[in-house]
Protein backbone atom coordinates (compact mmCIF):
# COMPACT_ATOMS: atom_id res chain seq x y z
CA MET A 1 -3.68 0.44 17.11
CA GLN A 2 -6.58 1.23 14.82
CA LEU A 3 -4.89 4.39 13.52
CA THR A 4 -2.06 2.55 11.79
CA GLY A 5 -4.49 0.17 10.11
CA LEU A 6 -6.52 3.12 8.88
CA LEU A 7 -3.40 4.92 7.64
CA GLU A 8 -2.08 1.83 5.89
CA ASN A 9 -5.36 1.09 4.14
CA THR A 10 -5.80 4.74 3.18
CA GLY A 11 -2.30 4.76 1.71
CA ALA A 12 -2.82 1.55 -0.25
CA LEU A 13 -6.23 2.51 -1.62
CA GLY A 14 -5.12 6.07 -2.35
CA SER A 15 -2.11 4.80 -4.30
CA LEU A 16 -4.33 2.44 -6.27
CA THR A 17 -6.83 5.21 -7.04
CA ALA A 18 -4.05 7.54 -8.13
CA ALA A 19 -2.66 4.88 -10.44
CA LEU A 20 -6.12 4.10 -11.87
CA GLY A 21 -6.45 7.70 -13.03
CA CYS A 22 -3.33 7.60 -15.18
CA ALA A 23 -4.29 5.85 -18.41
CA SER A 24 -1.33 7.06 -20.45
CA CYS A 25 1.27 6.05 -17.86
CA PHE A 26 -0.25 2.76 -16.80
CA PRO A 27 -2.45 1.39 -19.61
CA ALA A 28 -3.56 -1.72 -17.72
CA LEU A 29 -4.61 0.19 -14.61
CA GLY A 30 -6.00 3.04 -16.73
CA SER A 31 -8.27 0.72 -18.67
CA LEU A 32 -9.44 -0.88 -15.41
CA GLY A 33 -10.13 2.59 -14.03
CA ALA A 34 -12.09 3.55 -17.15
CA ALA A 35 -14.12 0.34 -16.89
CA LEU A 36 -14.93 1.23 -13.28
CA GLY A 37 -16.14 4.68 -14.35
CA LEU A 38 -13.04 6.57 -13.29
CA GLY A 39 -12.21 7.88 -16.79
CA PHE A 40 -12.90 11.45 -15.69
CA LEU A 41 -9.77 11.24 -13.50
CA ALA A 42 -7.53 11.32 -16.61
CA GLN A 43 -7.54 15.11 -16.59
CA PHE A 44 -5.76 15.05 -13.22
CA GLU A 45 -3.01 12.66 -14.33
CA GLY A 46 -0.10 14.97 -13.54
CA LEU A 47 -1.43 15.66 -10.06
CA PHE A 48 -1.92 11.94 -9.42
CA ILE A 49 1.53 10.80 -10.54
CA ASN A 50 3.61 13.69 -9.24
CA THR A 51 1.80 14.42 -5.98
CA LEU A 52 -0.86 11.98 -4.80
CA LEU A 53 0.85 8.67 -5.59
CA PRO A 54 4.05 9.56 -3.67
CA VAL A 55 2.05 11.05 -0.76
CA PHE A 56 -0.24 8.03 -0.34
CA THR A 57 2.65 5.62 -0.81
CA SER A 58 4.71 7.43 1.83
CA LEU A 59 1.69 7.35 4.14
CA ALA A 60 1.43 3.57 3.73
CA LEU A 61 5.18 3.19 4.33
CA LEU A 62 5.01 5.29 7.50
CA ALA A 63 1.97 3.36 8.77
CA ASN A 64 3.77 0.04 8.29
CA VAL A 65 6.84 1.24 10.19
CA ILE A 66 4.64 2.52 13.05
CA ALA A 67 2.76 -0.80 13.08
CA PHE A 68 6.06 -2.66 13.37
CA VAL A 69 7.05 -0.58 16.39
CA SER A 70 3.71 -1.42 17.98
CA HIS A 71 3.38 -5.11 17.03
CA ARG A 72 6.96 -6.30 16.45
CA ARG A 73 6.02 -8.56 13.53
CA ALA A 74 9.04 -8.52 11.22
CA LEU A 75 7.53 -10.54 8.36
CA ARG A 76 4.45 -8.33 8.27
CA MET A 77 6.65 -5.25 8.26
CA LEU A 78 8.80 -6.56 5.42
CA LEU A 79 5.73 -7.38 3.34
CA GLY A 80 4.15 -4.06 4.31
CA ILE A 81 7.08 -1.87 3.35
CA ALA A 82 8.05 -3.81 0.21
CA GLY A 83 5.11 -2.46 -1.82
CA PRO A 84 5.60 1.23 -0.97
CA VAL A 85 9.36 0.95 -1.46
CA LEU A 86 8.83 -0.61 -4.92
CA VAL A 87 6.43 2.18 -5.87
CA LEU A 88 8.72 4.96 -4.63
CA LEU A 89 11.76 3.40 -6.32
CA THR A 90 9.81 3.19 -9.55
CA LEU A 91 8.61 6.78 -9.35
CA TYR A 92 12.01 8.30 -8.75
CA PRO A 93 15.29 6.52 -9.61
CA LEU A 94 13.99 3.69 -11.84
CA TRP A 95 11.38 5.52 -13.95
CA THR A 96 13.47 5.57 -17.14
CA TYR A 97 13.76 1.80 -17.48
CA ALA A 98 11.30 -0.15 -19.64
CA TRP A 99 10.60 -2.71 -16.91
CA SER A 100 9.77 -0.07 -14.28
CA THR A 101 6.06 -0.11 -15.12
CA TRP A 102 5.85 -3.78 -14.10
CA LEU A 103 7.73 -2.99 -10.91
CA LEU A 104 5.15 -0.30 -10.16
CA TYR A 105 2.29 -2.74 -10.82
CA ALA A 106 3.91 -5.26 -8.48
CA GLY A 107 4.33 -2.63 -5.76
CA ILE A 108 0.72 -1.45 -5.98
CA ALA A 109 -0.58 -5.04 -6.04
CA LEU A 110 1.54 -5.91 -3.01
CA MET A 111 0.26 -2.85 -1.15
CA LEU A 112 -3.32 -3.85 -1.90
CA PHE A 113 -2.68 -7.48 -0.89
CA VAL A 114 -1.10 -6.49 2.44
CA ALA A 115 -3.92 -4.02 3.18
CA LEU A 116 -6.53 -6.73 2.55
CA PHE A 117 -4.53 -9.25 4.59
CA ASP A 118 -4.36 -6.82 7.51
CA LEU A 119 -8.11 -6.24 7.32
CA LEU A 120 -8.84 -9.97 7.38
CA SER A 121 -6.17 -10.93 9.92
CA PRO A 122 -5.12 -7.98 12.09
CA PRO A 123 -1.75 -8.30 13.77
CA GLY A 124 -1.35 -8.67 17.50
CA LYS A 125 1.52 -7.74 19.77
CA ALA A 126 4.40 -10.15 19.94
CA CYS A 127 5.48 -9.98 23.55
CA ALA A 128 5.52 -12.41 26.47
CA SER A 129 3.20 -10.32 28.63
CA CYS A 130 0.55 -10.20 25.88
CA GLU A 131 -0.38 -13.86 26.25
CA SER A 132 -3.07 -12.99 28.80
CA GLU A 133 -4.62 -10.45 26.41
CA GLN A 134 -5.58 -12.98 23.73
CA VAL A 135 -9.21 -12.75 22.74
CA GLU A 136 -11.25 -15.95 22.67
CA GLY A 137 -8.18 -18.16 22.55
CA ARG A 138 -7.18 -16.88 19.09
CA PRO A 139 -3.38 -16.70 18.79
CA TYR A 140 -1.81 -13.55 17.47
CA VAL A 141 -0.58 -13.65 13.87
């Protein structure tokens, strides 16, 4: 399913872009965003943190769950939902703790890693009848 891959990558990259625009909340990502020429996004910080980051993160979470239903790859699903869950947990119940910023960084990095991994090695279906559908002898991952 190409749609789930598109949704997952859109969610991961959207979450990263939203975090890059928030220099006061996330100094490390904010300075990277400023170095990339995204400093003008600082004026939209409230919109990014309160609206866009949860929306894109939820989109990535939904895409990973839909991909699991389609492909039945449990390890990929666990890796795929771990990042969005970490980000959403950080944004809502864990925001007041000092270590929550690092948890957010880890969640965004994991989302980006899984999105890149899925681009480089797309998942295949894990079913017995799918063996005949393998392309060029490449086993499904």
